[in-house]
Amino acid sequence: MVALLAVAPVRAFAADVQPLEIVTKSGVHVFSVEVAKTDEERATGLMYRKELPEGRGMLFDFTPEQQVSMWMKNTFIPLDMIFIRADGRILRIAENTVPQSEKIIPSGGLAKGVLEVIGGTAKKYGIQPGDRVAHPLFGTR
């Protein structure tokens, strides 16, 4: 599945923001995330946003677990894309993705979710493949 992002109006963060935790060797890191559940929400994602505050992000729900492909078309800020398995373990991280690029970014395996956070976040907090994500999407919260 390719998350092809269609033209959509700019919008602020949704009122429905949920906590998400990532457990790393350095500790537990908490983020406030919007959850993109519908086709429209997944297609729009973080397009057209000029900023993404540290500690915020968007969690894409790709239930059921599947091969996922993303891109950065119409996305103006660099992102870290964290691909997450159904059990909440991080599968792969695409760091500092290039704004507005149409290059396909694959999950590299089966993923149930993708967490997008501001570029550099994974390195800053030592987030790595194998770390655990706690959120209801993964049955871990």
Protein backbone atom coordinates (compact mmCIF):
# COMPACT_ATOMS: atom_id res chain seq x y z
CA MET A 1 0.00 0.00 0.00
CA VAL A 2 1.36 3.41 -0.85
CA ALA A 3 0.26 6.32 1.28
CA LEU A 4 -0.17 8.69 -1.62
CA LEU A 5 -0.90 12.04 -0.17
CA ALA A 6 -3.60 14.05 -1.92
CA VAL A 7 -4.02 17.81 -1.89
CA ALA A 8 -5.88 18.86 1.22
CA PRO A 9 -6.33 22.04 3.21
CA VAL A 10 -3.89 22.91 5.93
CA ARG A 11 -5.19 22.00 9.37
CA ALA A 12 -3.98 22.39 12.91
CA PHE A 13 -3.41 19.46 15.20
CA ALA A 14 -6.62 17.57 15.82
CA ALA A 15 -8.32 17.85 19.19
CA ASP A 16 -8.03 14.07 19.60
CA VAL A 17 -4.40 13.83 20.69
CA GLN A 18 -3.30 10.63 22.44
CA PRO A 19 -0.19 9.74 24.44
CA LEU A 20 2.31 7.29 22.96
CA GLU A 21 5.42 5.99 24.73
CA ILE A 22 8.62 4.58 23.29
CA VAL A 23 10.73 2.48 25.65
CA THR A 24 14.44 2.69 24.77
CA LYS A 25 17.69 1.79 26.52
CA SER A 26 17.88 5.42 27.69
CA GLY A 27 14.37 5.45 29.18
CA VAL A 28 10.73 6.08 28.33
CA HIS A 29 9.97 8.88 25.88
CA VAL A 30 6.40 10.23 25.74
CA PHE A 31 4.85 11.81 22.65
CA SER A 32 1.44 13.38 21.98
CA VAL A 33 0.13 12.02 18.69
CA GLU A 34 -2.76 12.44 16.34
CA VAL A 35 -3.99 9.11 15.00
CA ALA A 36 -4.67 8.85 11.26
CA LYS A 37 -7.23 6.03 10.94
CA THR A 38 -9.23 6.80 7.81
CA ASP A 39 -8.02 6.71 4.22
CA GLU A 40 -8.41 10.50 4.04
CA GLU A 41 -6.45 11.08 7.26
CA ARG A 42 -3.68 8.72 6.14
CA ALA A 43 -3.56 10.35 2.69
CA THR A 44 -3.26 13.85 4.15
CA GLY A 45 -0.96 13.04 7.05
CA LEU A 46 1.32 15.96 7.92
CA MET A 47 1.14 17.54 4.47
CA TYR A 48 1.35 21.33 4.20
CA ARG A 49 2.30 21.84 7.84
CA LYS A 50 5.08 24.35 8.36
CA GLU A 51 6.09 23.05 11.78
CA LEU A 52 5.83 20.06 14.07
CA PRO A 53 6.57 20.78 17.72
CA GLU A 54 9.02 18.51 19.50
CA GLY A 55 7.15 15.79 21.37
CA ARG A 56 4.26 15.82 18.87
CA GLY A 57 3.61 13.50 15.96
CA MET A 58 1.17 11.51 13.89
CA LEU A 59 0.53 7.78 14.19
CA PHE A 60 -0.76 6.13 11.00
CA ASP A 61 -2.98 3.09 11.61
CA PHE A 62 -2.45 0.50 8.86
CA THR A 63 -4.47 -2.30 10.47
CA PRO A 64 -4.08 -5.12 9.55
CA GLU A 65 -0.29 -5.43 9.58
CA GLN A 66 1.02 -5.05 6.01
CA GLN A 67 3.85 -3.81 3.79
CA VAL A 68 3.65 -0.01 3.96
CA SER A 69 5.14 2.65 1.69
CA MET A 70 5.24 6.36 2.47
CA TRP A 71 6.50 9.49 0.73
CA MET A 72 7.10 13.15 1.53
CA LYS A 73 5.16 14.84 -1.28
CA ASN A 74 3.79 18.21 -0.10
CA THR A 75 5.40 17.72 3.32
CA PHE A 76 7.49 20.78 4.17
CA ILE A 77 9.40 19.57 7.23
CA PRO A 78 11.93 16.73 7.61
CA LEU A 79 10.49 13.77 9.48
CA ASP A 80 11.63 10.57 11.13
CA MET A 81 9.31 7.75 10.04
CA ILE A 82 9.17 4.96 12.60
CA PHE A 83 7.65 1.75 11.21
CA ILE A 84 6.06 -0.37 13.96
CA ARG A 85 5.06 -4.05 13.98
CA ALA A 86 1.71 -5.30 15.32
CA ASP A 87 3.37 -6.29 18.62
CA GLY A 88 4.59 -2.71 19.18
CA ARG A 89 8.24 -3.37 18.31
CA ILE A 90 9.97 -0.89 16.02
CA LEU A 91 10.74 -2.52 12.67
CA ARG A 92 12.64 0.25 10.88
CA ILE A 93 13.37 3.96 11.09
CA ALA A 94 13.73 6.29 8.10
CA GLU A 95 15.55 9.27 9.60
CA ASN A 96 15.39 12.89 8.40
CA THR A 97 13.32 12.18 5.31
CA VAL A 98 13.66 14.80 2.58
CA PRO A 99 10.83 17.36 2.44
CA GLN A 100 8.68 17.24 -0.72
CA SER A 101 10.46 14.16 -2.07
CA GLU A 102 8.40 11.67 -4.07
CA LYS A 103 10.88 8.88 -3.33
CA ILE A 104 9.05 5.88 -1.88
CA ILE A 105 10.04 4.98 1.68
CA PRO A 106 9.20 1.30 2.34
CA SER A 107 8.56 -0.32 5.70
CA GLY A 108 10.95 -3.17 4.91
CA GLY A 109 8.56 -5.70 6.42
CA LEU A 110 5.08 -5.97 7.87
CA ALA A 111 3.99 -2.88 9.84
CA LYS A 112 0.76 -2.03 11.62
CA GLY A 113 1.66 1.60 12.25
CA VAL A 114 3.97 4.41 11.25
CA LEU A 115 4.89 7.16 13.68
CA GLU A 116 6.00 10.44 12.12
CA VAL A 117 7.93 12.84 14.35
CA ILE A 118 10.19 15.81 13.63
CA GLY A 119 13.44 14.84 11.92
CA GLY A 120 16.28 14.06 14.32
CA THR A 121 14.03 12.73 17.09
CA ALA A 122 15.16 9.10 16.78
CA LYS A 123 18.83 10.05 17.05
CA LYS A 124 18.21 12.52 19.88
CA TYR A 125 16.45 9.92 22.06
CA GLY A 126 18.37 6.85 20.90
CA ILE A 127 15.27 5.25 19.38
CA GLN A 128 16.23 2.06 17.51
CA PRO A 129 14.65 -0.93 15.77
CA GLY A 130 13.53 -3.41 18.42
CA ASP A 131 12.46 -0.71 20.90
CA ARG A 132 8.89 -1.03 22.15
CA VAL A 133 6.02 1.39 21.45
CA ALA A 134 3.18 1.58 23.99
CA HIS A 135 -0.15 2.66 22.50
CA PRO A 136 -3.63 1.06 22.25
CA LEU A 137 -3.10 0.45 18.50
CA PHE A 138 -0.53 -2.19 19.46
CA GLY A 139 -2.46 -3.53 22.46
CA THR A 140 0.23 -2.21 24.74
CA ARG A 141 -1.54 0.52 26.66
